[in-house]
Amino acid sequence: MRKWLLLLAAILLEATATVSLRAALDHPAWVAVVAIGYIGSFAALTFALRQGMGLGVAYGIWGASGVALTAILATLIFGDPLTATTGLGIALVIGGALCVELGSQAAHARKEGIAS
């Protein structure tokens, strides 16, 4: 459970940093939030890996969720367009991350069955 909370923190920090990067274009003080967000995100991702989360799973979910959340936040905060094509892309990214997670779980279950 702890590794999932750490991954969630990594996702939220990364999305915050990316959205803040956009804000920093007009207000340079936001660069501090960008730096803290990215450093915090990588630290949380590292801790999730240390808790035993698989690299492919962690990176896949972190990347996919960050892309989806950033696109949604950019629409809400900056008025970026959220078209049907964008929505489909977000759904495909999330679906891909789910496939990685489900595949990892299935492989782990097979490995456990063989070891038993």
PDB file of N, CA and C in Angstrom:
ATOM      1  N   MET A   1       0.826  -1.198   0.000  1.00  0.00           N
ATOM      2  CA  MET A   1       0.000   0.000   0.000  1.00  0.00           C
ATOM      3  C   MET A   1       0.873   1.267   0.000  1.00  0.00           C
ATOM      4  N   ARG A   2       1.966   1.214   0.776  1.00  0.00           N
ATOM      5  CA  ARG A   2       2.841   2.385   0.867  1.00  0.00           C
ATOM      6  C   ARG A   2       3.448   2.740  -0.490  1.00  0.00           C
ATOM      7  N   LYS A   3       3.822   1.707  -1.266  1.00  0.00           N
ATOM      8  CA  LYS A   3       4.430   1.987  -2.562  1.00  0.00           C
ATOM      9  C   LYS A   3       3.447   2.694  -3.493  1.00  0.00           C
ATOM     10  N   TRP A   4       2.163   2.384  -3.384  1.00  0.00           N
ATOM     11  CA  TRP A   4       1.154   3.029  -4.220  1.00  0.00           C
ATOM     12  C   TRP A   4       0.946   4.478  -3.802  1.00  0.00           C
ATOM     13  N   LEU A   5       1.013   4.751  -2.505  1.00  0.00           N
ATOM     14  CA  LEU A   5       0.904   6.130  -2.034  1.00  0.00           C
ATOM     15  C   LEU A   5       2.104   6.957  -2.492  1.00  0.00           C
ATOM     16  N   LEU A   6       3.279   6.345  -2.466  1.00  0.00           N
ATOM     17  CA  LEU A   6       4.475   7.024  -2.962  1.00  0.00           C
ATOM     18  C   LEU A   6       4.368   7.297  -4.460  1.00  0.00           C
ATOM     19  N   LEU A   7       3.838   6.338  -5.206  1.00  0.00           N
ATOM     20  CA  LEU A   7       3.653   6.542  -6.642  1.00  0.00           C
ATOM     21  C   LEU A   7       2.643   7.649  -6.896  1.00  0.00           C
ATOM     22  N   LEU A   8       1.573   7.674  -6.121  1.00  0.00           N
ATOM     23  CA  LEU A   8       0.579   8.748  -6.252  1.00  0.00           C
ATOM     24  C   LEU A   8       1.225  10.106  -5.982  1.00  0.00           C
ATOM     25  N   ALA A   9       2.050  10.184  -4.951  1.00  0.00           N
ATOM     26  CA  ALA A   9       2.754  11.428  -4.646  1.00  0.00           C
ATOM     27  C   ALA A   9       3.652  11.830  -5.820  1.00  0.00           C
ATOM     28  N   ALA A  10       4.356  10.866  -6.407  1.00  0.00           N
ATOM     29  CA  ALA A  10       5.225  11.148  -7.550  1.00  0.00           C
ATOM     30  C   ALA A  10       4.418  11.705  -8.722  1.00  0.00           C
ATOM     31  N   ILE A  11       3.256  11.135  -8.964  1.00  0.00           N
ATOM     32  CA  ILE A  11       2.399  11.590 -10.068  1.00  0.00           C
ATOM     33  C   ILE A  11       1.915  13.015  -9.819  1.00  0.00           C
ATOM     34  N   LEU A  12       1.419  13.269  -8.617  1.00  0.00           N
ATOM     35  CA  LEU A  12       0.888  14.595  -8.296  1.00  0.00           C
ATOM     36  C   LEU A  12       1.984  15.664  -8.336  1.00  0.00           C
ATOM     37  N   LEU A  13       3.165  15.319  -7.831  1.00  0.00           N
ATOM     38  CA  LEU A  13       4.280  16.273  -7.855  1.00  0.00           C
ATOM     39  C   LEU A  13       4.733  16.564  -9.286  1.00  0.00           C
ATOM     40  N   GLU A  14       4.783  15.537 -10.115  1.00  0.00           N
ATOM     41  CA  GLU A  14       5.214  15.719 -11.504  1.00  0.00           C
ATOM     42  C   GLU A  14       4.216  16.575 -12.274  1.00  0.00           C
ATOM     43  N   ALA A  15       2.926  16.316 -12.095  1.00  0.00           N
ATOM     44  CA  ALA A  15       1.906  17.113 -12.786  1.00  0.00           C
ATOM     45  C   ALA A  15       1.930  18.559 -12.295  1.00  0.00           C
ATOM     46  N   THR A  16       2.116  18.748 -11.003  1.00  0.00           N
ATOM     47  CA  THR A  16       2.216  20.099 -10.447  1.00  0.00           C
ATOM     48  C   THR A  16       3.413  20.833 -11.036  1.00  0.00           C
ATOM     49  N   ALA A  17       4.545  20.154 -11.120  1.00  0.00           N
ATOM     50  CA  ALA A  17       5.749  20.769 -11.683  1.00  0.00           C
ATOM     51  C   ALA A  17       5.543  21.148 -13.142  1.00  0.00           C
ATOM     52  N   THR A  18       4.911  20.275 -13.902  1.00  0.00           N
ATOM     53  CA  THR A  18       4.717  20.545 -15.326  1.00  0.00           C
ATOM     54  C   THR A  18       3.766  21.709 -15.553  1.00  0.00           C
ATOM     55  N   VAL A  19       2.674  21.744 -14.800  1.00  0.00           N
ATOM     56  CA  VAL A  19       1.743  22.866 -14.919  1.00  0.00           C
ATOM     57  C   VAL A  19       2.417  24.155 -14.460  1.00  0.00           C
ATOM     58  N   SER A  20       3.227  24.061 -13.432  1.00  0.00           N
ATOM     59  CA  SER A  20       3.951  25.241 -12.939  1.00  0.00           C
ATOM     60  C   SER A  20       4.968  25.735 -13.956  1.00  0.00           C
ATOM     61  N   LEU A  21       5.506  24.829 -14.751  1.00  0.00           N
ATOM     62  CA  LEU A  21       6.437  25.220 -15.812  1.00  0.00           C
ATOM     63  C   LEU A  21       5.750  26.179 -16.773  1.00  0.00           C
ATOM     64  N   ARG A  22       4.520  25.879 -17.069  1.00  0.00           N
ATOM     65  CA  ARG A  22       3.743  26.770 -17.950  1.00  0.00           C
ATOM     66  C   ARG A  22       3.511  28.118 -17.275  1.00  0.00           C
ATOM     67  N   ALA A  23       3.198  28.099 -15.989  1.00  0.00           N
ATOM     68  CA  ALA A  23       2.981  29.344 -15.242  1.00  0.00           C
ATOM     69  C   ALA A  23       4.269  30.161 -15.157  1.00  0.00           C
ATOM     70  N   ALA A  24       5.415  29.476 -15.114  1.00  0.00           N
ATOM     71  CA  ALA A  24       6.716  30.151 -14.994  1.00  0.00           C
ATOM     72  C   ALA A  24       7.074  30.957 -16.233  1.00  0.00           C
ATOM     73  N   LEU A  25       6.413  30.695 -17.349  1.00  0.00           N
ATOM     74  CA  LEU A  25       6.683  31.474 -18.553  1.00  0.00           C
ATOM     75  C   LEU A  25       6.360  32.949 -18.341  1.00  0.00           C
ATOM     76  N   ASP A  26       5.301  33.207 -17.575  1.00  0.00           N
ATOM     77  CA  ASP A  26       4.892  34.585 -17.312  1.00  0.00           C
ATOM     78  C   ASP A  26       5.327  35.087 -15.938  1.00  0.00           C
ATOM     79  N   HIS A  27       5.535  34.174 -15.011  1.00  0.00           N
ATOM     80  CA  HIS A  27       5.884  34.540 -13.636  1.00  0.00           C
ATOM     81  C   HIS A  27       7.066  33.673 -13.199  1.00  0.00           C
ATOM     82  N   PRO A  28       8.290  34.151 -13.373  1.00  0.00           N
ATOM     83  CA  PRO A  28       9.491  33.349 -13.118  1.00  0.00           C
ATOM     84  C   PRO A  28       9.589  32.747 -11.711  1.00  0.00           C
ATOM     85  N   ALA A  29       8.895  33.297 -10.742  1.00  0.00           N
ATOM     86  CA  ALA A  29       8.955  32.745  -9.385  1.00  0.00           C
ATOM     87  C   ALA A  29       8.435  31.300  -9.341  1.00  0.00           C
ATOM     88  N   TRP A  30       7.629  30.929 -10.297  1.00  0.00           N
ATOM     89  CA  TRP A  30       7.091  29.565 -10.347  1.00  0.00           C
ATOM     90  C   TRP A  30       8.177  28.525 -10.639  1.00  0.00           C
ATOM     91  N   VAL A  31       9.344  28.965 -11.081  1.00  0.00           N
ATOM     92  CA  VAL A  31      10.445  28.032 -11.351  1.00  0.00           C
ATOM     93  C   VAL A  31      10.808  27.255 -10.085  1.00  0.00           C
ATOM     94  N   ALA A  32      10.678  27.886  -8.931  1.00  0.00           N
ATOM     95  CA  ALA A  32      10.952  27.187  -7.665  1.00  0.00           C
ATOM     96  C   ALA A  32       9.991  26.023  -7.475  1.00  0.00           C
ATOM     97  N   VAL A  33       8.722  26.210  -7.807  1.00  0.00           N
ATOM     98  CA  VAL A  33       7.738  25.127  -7.701  1.00  0.00           C
ATOM     99  C   VAL A  33       8.073  24.016  -8.699  1.00  0.00           C
ATOM    100  N   VAL A  34       8.520  24.416  -9.879  1.00  0.00           N
ATOM    101  CA  VAL A  34       8.917  23.439 -10.898  1.00  0.00           C
ATOM    102  C   VAL A  34      10.049  22.562 -10.365  1.00  0.00           C
ATOM    103  N   ALA A  35      11.090  23.183  -9.847  1.00  0.00           N
ATOM    104  CA  ALA A  35      12.252  22.433  -9.347  1.00  0.00           C
ATOM    105  C   ALA A  35      11.863  21.522  -8.182  1.00  0.00           C
ATOM    106  N   ILE A  36      11.138  22.058  -7.226  1.00  0.00           N
ATOM    107  CA  ILE A  36      10.716  21.258  -6.065  1.00  0.00           C
ATOM    108  C   ILE A  36       9.817  20.105  -6.501  1.00  0.00           C
ATOM    109  N   GLY A  37       8.915  20.383  -7.434  1.00  0.00           N
ATOM    110  CA  GLY A  37       7.998  19.347  -7.910  1.00  0.00           C
ATOM    111  C   GLY A  37       8.709  18.201  -8.600  1.00  0.00           C
ATOM    112  N   TYR A  38       9.639  18.531  -9.505  1.00  0.00           N
ATOM    113  CA  TYR A  38      10.349  17.468 -10.216  1.00  0.00           C
ATOM    114  C   TYR A  38      11.288  16.689  -9.290  1.00  0.00           C
ATOM    115  N   ILE A  39      11.991  17.382  -8.431  1.00  0.00           N
ATOM    116  CA  ILE A  39      12.874  16.685  -7.490  1.00  0.00           C
ATOM    117  C   ILE A  39      12.055  15.793  -6.559  1.00  0.00           C
ATOM    118  N   GLY A  40      10.955  16.338  -6.053  1.00  0.00           N
ATOM    119  CA  GLY A  40      10.083  15.547  -5.179  1.00  0.00           C
ATOM    120  C   GLY A  40       9.483  14.354  -5.896  1.00  0.00           C
ATOM    121  N   SER A  41       9.116  14.540  -7.157  1.00  0.00           N
ATOM    122  CA  SER A  41       8.532  13.454  -7.935  1.00  0.00           C
ATOM    123  C   SER A  41       9.517  12.305  -8.116  1.00  0.00           C
ATOM    124  N   PHE A  42      10.752  12.654  -8.499  1.00  0.00           N
ATOM    125  CA  PHE A  42      11.762  11.606  -8.682  1.00  0.00           C
ATOM    126  C   PHE A  42      12.108  10.933  -7.358  1.00  0.00           C
ATOM    127  N   ALA A  43      12.114  11.693  -6.274  1.00  0.00           N
ATOM    128  CA  ALA A  43      12.384  11.098  -4.962  1.00  0.00           C
ATOM    129  C   ALA A  43      11.265  10.121  -4.583  1.00  0.00           C
ATOM    130  N   ALA A  44      10.021  10.532  -4.758  1.00  0.00           N
ATOM    131  CA  ALA A  44       8.894   9.653  -4.422  1.00  0.00           C
ATOM    132  C   ALA A  44       8.885   8.404  -5.304  1.00  0.00           C
ATOM    133  N   LEU A  45       9.208   8.571  -6.587  1.00  0.00           N
ATOM    134  CA  LEU A  45       9.284   7.426  -7.492  1.00  0.00           C
ATOM    135  C   LEU A  45      10.392   6.467  -7.049  1.00  0.00           C
ATOM    136  N   THR A  46      11.521   7.010  -6.635  1.00  0.00           N
ATOM    137  CA  THR A  46      12.623   6.182  -6.133  1.00  0.00           C
ATOM    138  C   THR A  46      12.196   5.393  -4.895  1.00  0.00           C
ATOM    139  N   PHE A  47      11.497   6.067  -3.988  1.00  0.00           N
ATOM    140  CA  PHE A  47      11.041   5.386  -2.763  1.00  0.00           C
ATOM    141  C   PHE A  47      10.012   4.301  -3.082  1.00  0.00           C
ATOM    142  N   ALA A  48       9.162   4.535  -4.080  1.00  0.00           N
ATOM    143  CA  ALA A  48       8.197   3.509  -4.488  1.00  0.00           C
ATOM    144  C   ALA A  48       8.929   2.278  -5.024  1.00  0.00           C
ATOM    145  N   LEU A  49       9.989   2.508  -5.792  1.00  0.00           N
ATOM    146  CA  LEU A  49      10.791   1.395  -6.302  1.00  0.00           C
ATOM    147  C   LEU A  49      11.479   0.657  -5.156  1.00  0.00           C
ATOM    148  N   ARG A  50      11.958   1.392  -4.180  1.00  0.00           N
ATOM    149  CA  ARG A  50      12.606   0.761  -3.020  1.00  0.00           C
ATOM    150  C   ARG A  50      11.626  -0.067  -2.204  1.00  0.00           C
ATOM    151  N   GLN A  51      10.340   0.269  -2.283  1.00  0.00           N
ATOM    152  CA  GLN A  51       9.312  -0.489  -1.576  1.00  0.00           C
ATOM    153  C   GLN A  51       8.942  -1.770  -2.326  1.00  0.00           C
ATOM    154  N   GLY A  52       9.552  -1.986  -3.492  1.00  0.00           N
ATOM    155  CA  GLY A  52       9.328  -3.220  -4.227  1.00  0.00           C
ATOM    156  C   GLY A  52       8.471  -3.106  -5.468  1.00  0.00           C
ATOM    157  N   MET A  53       8.074  -1.914  -5.836  1.00  0.00           N
ATOM    158  CA  MET A  53       7.277  -1.761  -7.052  1.00  0.00           C
ATOM    159  C   MET A  53       8.175  -2.000  -8.261  1.00  0.00           C
ATOM    160  N   GLY A  54       7.674  -2.722  -9.236  1.00  0.00           N
ATOM    161  CA  GLY A  54       8.428  -3.004 -10.449  1.00  0.00           C
ATOM    162  C   GLY A  54       8.665  -1.737 -11.259  1.00  0.00           C
ATOM    163  N   LEU A  55       9.821  -1.630 -11.867  1.00  0.00           N
ATOM    164  CA  LEU A  55      10.180  -0.433 -12.621  1.00  0.00           C
ATOM    165  C   LEU A  55       9.218  -0.183 -13.787  1.00  0.00           C
ATOM    166  N   GLY A  56       8.906  -1.221 -14.552  1.00  0.00           N
ATOM    167  CA  GLY A  56       8.005  -1.058 -15.691  1.00  0.00           C
ATOM    168  C   GLY A  56       6.627  -0.592 -15.267  1.00  0.00           C
ATOM    169  N   VAL A  57       6.138  -1.145 -14.178  1.00  0.00           N
ATOM    170  CA  VAL A  57       4.823  -0.754 -13.654  1.00  0.00           C
ATOM    171  C   VAL A  57       4.876   0.687 -13.154  1.00  0.00           C
ATOM    172  N   ALA A  58       5.860   0.986 -12.316  1.00  0.00           N
ATOM    173  CA  ALA A  58       5.951   2.323 -11.723  1.00  0.00           C
ATOM    174  C   ALA A  58       6.108   3.390 -12.800  1.00  0.00           C
ATOM    175  N   TYR A  59       7.036   3.172 -13.716  1.00  0.00           N
ATOM    176  CA  TYR A  59       7.286   4.174 -14.745  1.00  0.00           C
ATOM    177  C   TYR A  59       6.096   4.310 -15.687  1.00  0.00           C
ATOM    178  N   GLY A  60       5.499   3.186 -16.044  1.00  0.00           N
ATOM    179  CA  GLY A  60       4.344   3.223 -16.947  1.00  0.00           C
ATOM    180  C   GLY A  60       3.176   3.986 -16.347  1.00  0.00           C
ATOM    181  N   ILE A  61       2.848   3.691 -15.118  1.00  0.00           N
ATOM    182  CA  ILE A  61       1.722   4.367 -14.471  1.00  0.00           C
ATOM    183  C   ILE A  61       2.067   5.822 -14.190  1.00  0.00           C
ATOM    184  N   TRP A  62       3.285   6.074 -13.733  1.00  0.00           N
ATOM    185  CA  TRP A  62       3.723   7.443 -13.448  1.00  0.00           C
ATOM    186  C   TRP A  62       3.654   8.298 -14.718  1.00  0.00           C
ATOM    187  N   GLY A  63       4.218   7.785 -15.791  1.00  0.00           N
ATOM    188  CA  GLY A  63       4.230   8.534 -17.043  1.00  0.00           C
ATOM    189  C   GLY A  63       2.833   8.746 -17.612  1.00  0.00           C
ATOM    190  N   ALA A  64       2.053   7.678 -17.664  1.00  0.00           N
ATOM    191  CA  ALA A  64       0.714   7.764 -18.243  1.00  0.00           C
ATOM    192  C   ALA A  64      -0.192   8.671 -17.413  1.00  0.00           C
ATOM    193  N   SER A  65      -0.154   8.493 -16.129  1.00  0.00           N
ATOM    194  CA  SER A  65      -1.001   9.315 -15.263  1.00  0.00           C
ATOM    195  C   SER A  65      -0.572  10.773 -15.299  1.00  0.00           C
ATOM    196  N   GLY A  66       0.731  11.002 -15.358  1.00  0.00           N
ATOM    197  CA  GLY A  66       1.225  12.375 -15.447  1.00  0.00           C
ATOM    198  C   GLY A  66       0.771  13.061 -16.720  1.00  0.00           C
ATOM    199  N   VAL A  67       0.826  12.348 -17.836  1.00  0.00           N
ATOM    200  CA  VAL A  67       0.368  12.903 -19.111  1.00  0.00           C
ATOM    201  C   VAL A  67      -1.120  13.234 -19.035  1.00  0.00           C
ATOM    202  N   ALA A  68      -1.914  12.292 -18.558  1.00  0.00           N
ATOM    203  CA  ALA A  68      -3.363  12.493 -18.484  1.00  0.00           C
ATOM    204  C   ALA A  68      -3.715  13.635 -17.531  1.00  0.00           C
ATOM    205  N   LEU A  69      -3.138  13.625 -16.350  1.00  0.00           N
ATOM    206  CA  LEU A  69      -3.447  14.660 -15.368  1.00  0.00           C
ATOM    207  C   LEU A  69      -2.991  16.034 -15.843  1.00  0.00           C
ATOM    208  N   THR A  70      -1.823  16.105 -16.455  1.00  0.00           N
ATOM    209  CA  THR A  70      -1.325  17.389 -16.958  1.00  0.00           C
ATOM    210  C   THR A  70      -2.233  17.932 -18.059  1.00  0.00           C
ATOM    211  N   ALA A  71      -2.695  17.077 -18.948  1.00  0.00           N
ATOM    212  CA  ALA A  71      -3.597  17.522 -20.016  1.00  0.00           C
ATOM    213  C   ALA A  71      -4.905  18.059 -19.435  1.00  0.00           C
ATOM    214  N   ILE A  72      -5.426  17.375 -18.442  1.00  0.00           N
ATOM    215  CA  ILE A  72      -6.682  17.811 -17.820  1.00  0.00           C
ATOM    216  C   ILE A  72      -6.474  19.128 -17.067  1.00  0.00           C
ATOM    217  N   LEU A  73      -5.394  19.214 -16.304  1.00  0.00           N
ATOM    218  CA  LEU A  73      -5.116  20.445 -15.561  1.00  0.00           C
ATOM    219  C   LEU A  73      -4.866  21.624 -16.500  1.00  0.00           C
ATOM    220  N   ALA A  74      -4.180  21.386 -17.608  1.00  0.00           N
ATOM    221  CA  ALA A  74      -3.926  22.462 -18.579  1.00  0.00           C
ATOM    222  C   ALA A  74      -5.239  22.976 -19.167  1.00  0.00           C
ATOM    223  N   THR A  75      -6.196  22.089 -19.341  1.00  0.00           N
ATOM    224  CA  THR A  75      -7.515  22.508 -19.824  1.00  0.00           C
ATOM    225  C   THR A  75      -8.224  23.355 -18.776  1.00  0.00           C
ATOM    226  N   LEU A  76      -8.192  22.885 -17.532  1.00  0.00           N
ATOM    227  CA  LEU A  76      -8.897  23.585 -16.457  1.00  0.00           C
ATOM    228  C   LEU A  76      -8.242  24.917 -16.094  1.00  0.00           C
ATOM    229  N   ILE A  77      -6.925  24.951 -16.059  1.00  0.00           N
ATOM    230  CA  ILE A  77      -6.217  26.141 -15.584  1.00  0.00           C
ATOM    231  C   ILE A  77      -5.921  27.128 -16.707  1.00  0.00           C
ATOM    232  N   PHE A  78      -5.469  26.628 -17.846  1.00  0.00           N
ATOM    233  CA  PHE A  78      -5.013  27.504 -18.926  1.00  0.00           C
ATOM    234  C   PHE A  78      -5.965  27.561 -20.124  1.00  0.00           C
ATOM    235  N   GLY A  79      -7.029  26.771 -20.081  1.00  0.00           N
ATOM    236  CA  GLY A  79      -7.980  26.778 -21.188  1.00  0.00           C
ATOM    237  C   GLY A  79      -7.495  26.059 -22.426  1.00  0.00           C
ATOM    238  N   ASP A  80      -6.516  25.169 -22.270  1.00  0.00           N
ATOM    239  CA  ASP A  80      -6.069  24.380 -23.422  1.00  0.00           C
ATOM    240  C   ASP A  80      -7.235  23.551 -23.940  1.00  0.00           C
ATOM    241  N   PRO A  81      -7.294  23.352 -25.248  1.00  0.00           N
ATOM    242  CA  PRO A  81      -8.419  22.584 -25.797  1.00  0.00           C
ATOM    243  C   PRO A  81      -8.365  21.112 -25.383  1.00  0.00           C
ATOM    244  N   LEU A  82      -9.521  20.574 -25.069  1.00  0.00           N
ATOM    245  CA  LEU A  82      -9.640  19.147 -24.763  1.00  0.00           C
ATOM    246  C   LEU A  82     -10.622  18.577 -25.785  1.00  0.00           C
ATOM    247  N   THR A  83     -10.071  18.117 -26.895  1.00  0.00           N
ATOM    248  CA  THR A  83     -10.881  17.620 -27.998  1.00  0.00           C
ATOM    249  C   THR A  83     -11.170  16.129 -27.815  1.00  0.00           C
ATOM    250  N   ALA A  84     -12.006  15.609 -28.671  1.00  0.00           N
ATOM    251  CA  ALA A  84     -12.289  14.175 -28.646  1.00  0.00           C
ATOM    252  C   ALA A  84     -11.009  13.379 -28.902  1.00  0.00           C
ATOM    253  N   THR A  85     -10.176  13.875 -29.795  1.00  0.00           N
ATOM    254  CA  THR A  85      -8.915  13.197 -30.084  1.00  0.00           C
ATOM    255  C   THR A  85      -8.002  13.206 -28.865  1.00  0.00           C
ATOM    256  N   THR A  86      -7.956  14.332 -28.165  1.00  0.00           N
ATOM    257  CA  THR A  86      -7.165  14.410 -26.938  1.00  0.00           C
ATOM    258  C   THR A  86      -7.706  13.436 -25.898  1.00  0.00           C
ATOM    259  N   GLY A  87      -9.015  13.408 -25.753  1.00  0.00           N
ATOM    260  CA  GLY A  87      -9.647  12.482 -24.807  1.00  0.00           C
ATOM    261  C   GLY A  87      -9.342  11.036 -25.145  1.00  0.00           C
ATOM    262  N   LEU A  88      -9.377  10.702 -26.427  1.00  0.00           N
ATOM    263  CA  LEU A  88      -9.031   9.351 -26.866  1.00  0.00           C
ATOM    264  C   LEU A  88      -7.581   9.039 -26.532  1.00  0.00           C
ATOM    265  N   GLY A  89      -6.703  10.004 -26.761  1.00  0.00           N
ATOM    266  CA  GLY A  89      -5.288   9.815 -26.438  1.00  0.00           C
ATOM    267  C   GLY A  89      -5.080   9.565 -24.958  1.00  0.00           C
ATOM    268  N   ILE A  90      -5.766  10.334 -24.121  1.00  0.00           N
ATOM    269  CA  ILE A  90      -5.670  10.138 -22.668  1.00  0.00           C
ATOM    270  C   ILE A  90      -6.157   8.747 -22.299  1.00  0.00           C
ATOM    271  N   ALA A  91      -7.282   8.324 -22.881  1.00  0.00           N
ATOM    272  CA  ALA A  91      -7.818   6.992 -22.601  1.00  0.00           C
ATOM    273  C   ALA A  91      -6.841   5.894 -23.036  1.00  0.00           C
ATOM    274  N   LEU A  92      -6.203   6.069 -24.185  1.00  0.00           N
ATOM    275  CA  LEU A  92      -5.234   5.080 -24.664  1.00  0.00           C
ATOM    276  C   LEU A  92      -4.005   5.016 -23.760  1.00  0.00           C
ATOM    277  N   VAL A  93      -3.541   6.170 -23.294  1.00  0.00           N
ATOM    278  CA  VAL A  93      -2.385   6.202 -22.393  1.00  0.00           C
ATOM    279  C   VAL A  93      -2.719   5.473 -21.094  1.00  0.00           C
ATOM    280  N   ILE A  94      -3.890   5.754 -20.537  1.00  0.00           N
ATOM    281  CA  ILE A  94      -4.304   5.091 -19.299  1.00  0.00           C
ATOM    282  C   ILE A  94      -4.499   3.593 -19.548  1.00  0.00           C
ATOM    283  N   GLY A  95      -5.110   3.241 -20.673  1.00  0.00           N
ATOM    284  CA  GLY A  95      -5.289   1.831 -21.015  1.00  0.00           C
ATOM    285  C   GLY A  95      -3.962   1.105 -21.163  1.00  0.00           C
ATOM    286  N   GLY A  96      -2.984   1.763 -21.749  1.00  0.00           N
ATOM    287  CA  GLY A  96      -1.653   1.164 -21.883  1.00  0.00           C
ATOM    288  C   GLY A  96      -1.018   0.915 -20.530  1.00  0.00           C
ATOM    289  N   ALA A  97      -1.142   1.875 -19.630  1.00  0.00           N
ATOM    290  CA  ALA A  97      -0.587   1.706 -18.286  1.00  0.00           C
ATOM    291  C   ALA A  97      -1.291   0.559 -17.552  1.00  0.00           C
ATOM    292  N   LEU A  98      -2.590   0.443 -17.733  1.00  0.00           N
ATOM    293  CA  LEU A  98      -3.323  -0.668 -17.118  1.00  0.00           C
ATOM    294  C   LEU A  98      -2.867  -2.012 -17.677  1.00  0.00           C
ATOM    295  N   CYS A  99      -2.614  -2.064 -18.970  1.00  0.00           N
ATOM    296  CA  CYS A  99      -2.119  -3.301 -19.574  1.00  0.00           C
ATOM    297  C   CYS A  99      -0.769  -3.699 -18.994  1.00  0.00           C
ATOM    298  N   VAL A 100       0.104  -2.725 -18.783  1.00  0.00           N
ATOM    299  CA  VAL A 100       1.409  -3.010 -18.182  1.00  0.00           C
ATOM    300  C   VAL A 100       1.215  -3.557 -16.774  1.00  0.00           C
ATOM    301  N   GLU A 101       0.348  -2.928 -15.995  1.00  0.00           N
ATOM    302  CA  GLU A 101       0.108  -3.370 -14.617  1.00  0.00           C
ATOM    303  C   GLU A 101      -0.504  -4.771 -14.593  1.00  0.00           C
ATOM    304  N   LEU A 102      -1.518  -5.017 -15.413  1.00  0.00           N
ATOM    305  CA  LEU A 102      -2.160  -6.337 -15.436  1.00  0.00           C
ATOM    306  C   LEU A 102      -1.195  -7.406 -15.915  1.00  0.00           C
ATOM    307  N   GLY A 103      -0.386  -7.080 -16.910  1.00  0.00           N
ATOM    308  CA  GLY A 103       0.617  -8.032 -17.385  1.00  0.00           C
ATOM    309  C   GLY A 103       1.639  -8.340 -16.315  1.00  0.00           C
ATOM    310  N   SER A 104       2.024  -7.338 -15.570  1.00  0.00           N
ATOM    311  CA  SER A 104       2.979  -7.543 -14.485  1.00  0.00           C
ATOM    312  C   SER A 104       2.389  -8.427 -13.395  1.00  0.00           C
ATOM    313  N   GLN A 105       1.133  -8.184 -13.054  1.00  0.00           N
ATOM    314  CA  GLN A 105       0.467  -9.005 -12.032  1.00  0.00           C
ATOM    315  C   GLN A 105       0.362 -10.460 -12.490  1.00  0.00           C
ATOM    316  N   ALA A 106       0.013 -10.663 -13.758  1.00  0.00           N
ATOM    317  CA  ALA A 106      -0.110 -12.022 -14.270  1.00  0.00           C
ATOM    318  C   ALA A 106       1.239 -12.737 -14.256  1.00  0.00           C
ATOM    319  N   ALA A 107       2.297 -12.033 -14.648  1.00  0.00           N
ATOM    320  CA  ALA A 107       3.629 -12.634 -14.633  1.00  0.00           C
ATOM    321  C   ALA A 107       4.060 -12.961 -13.212  1.00  0.00           C
ATOM    322  N   HIS A 108       3.748 -12.085 -12.286  1.00  0.00           N
ATOM    323  CA  HIS A 108       4.097 -12.320 -10.881  1.00  0.00           C
ATOM    324  C   HIS A 108       3.345 -13.535 -10.342  1.00  0.00           C
ATOM    325  N   ALA A 109       2.070 -13.649 -10.720  1.00  0.00           N
ATOM    326  CA  ALA A 109       1.263 -14.784 -10.261  1.00  0.00           C
ATOM    327  C   ALA A 109       1.808 -16.090 -10.840  1.00  0.00           C
ATOM    328  N   ARG A 110       2.221 -16.082 -12.108  1.00  0.00           N
ATOM    329  CA  ARG A 110       2.810 -17.290 -12.712  1.00  0.00           C
ATOM    330  C   ARG A 110       4.108 -17.654 -12.021  1.00  0.00           C
ATOM    331  N   LYS A 111       4.917 -16.659 -11.718  1.00  0.00           N
ATOM    332  CA  LYS A 111       6.183 -16.893 -11.047  1.00  0.00           C
ATOM    333  C   LYS A 111       5.945 -17.485  -9.656  1.00  0.00           C
ATOM    334  N   GLU A 112       4.966 -16.963  -8.950  1.00  0.00           N
ATOM    335  CA  GLU A 112       4.619 -17.475  -7.620  1.00  0.00           C
ATOM    336  C   GLU A 112       4.142 -18.928  -7.722  1.00  0.00           C
ATOM    337  N   GLY A 113       3.349 -19.214  -8.763  1.00  0.00           N
ATOM    338  CA  GLY A 113       2.840 -20.571  -8.942  1.00  0.00           C
ATOM    339  C   GLY A 113       3.934 -21.565  -9.243  1.00  0.00           C
ATOM    340  N   ILE A 114       4.929 -21.142 -10.004  1.00  0.00           N
ATOM    341  CA  ILE A 114       6.049 -22.012 -10.346  1.00  0.00           C
ATOM    342  C   ILE A 114       6.928 -22.231  -9.122  1.00  0.00           C
ATOM    343  N   ALA A 115       7.105 -21.182  -8.325  1.00  0.00           N
ATOM    344  CA  ALA A 115       7.973 -21.293  -7.141  1.00  0.00           C
ATOM    345  C   ALA A 115       7.338 -22.119  -6.034  1.00  0.00           C
ATOM    346  N   SER A 116       6.003 -22.215  -6.032  1.00  0.00           N
ATOM    347  CA  SER A 116       5.332 -22.948  -4.938  1.00  0.00           C
ATOM    348  C   SER A 116       5.498 -24.433  -5.025  1.00  0.00           C
TER     349      SER A 116
END
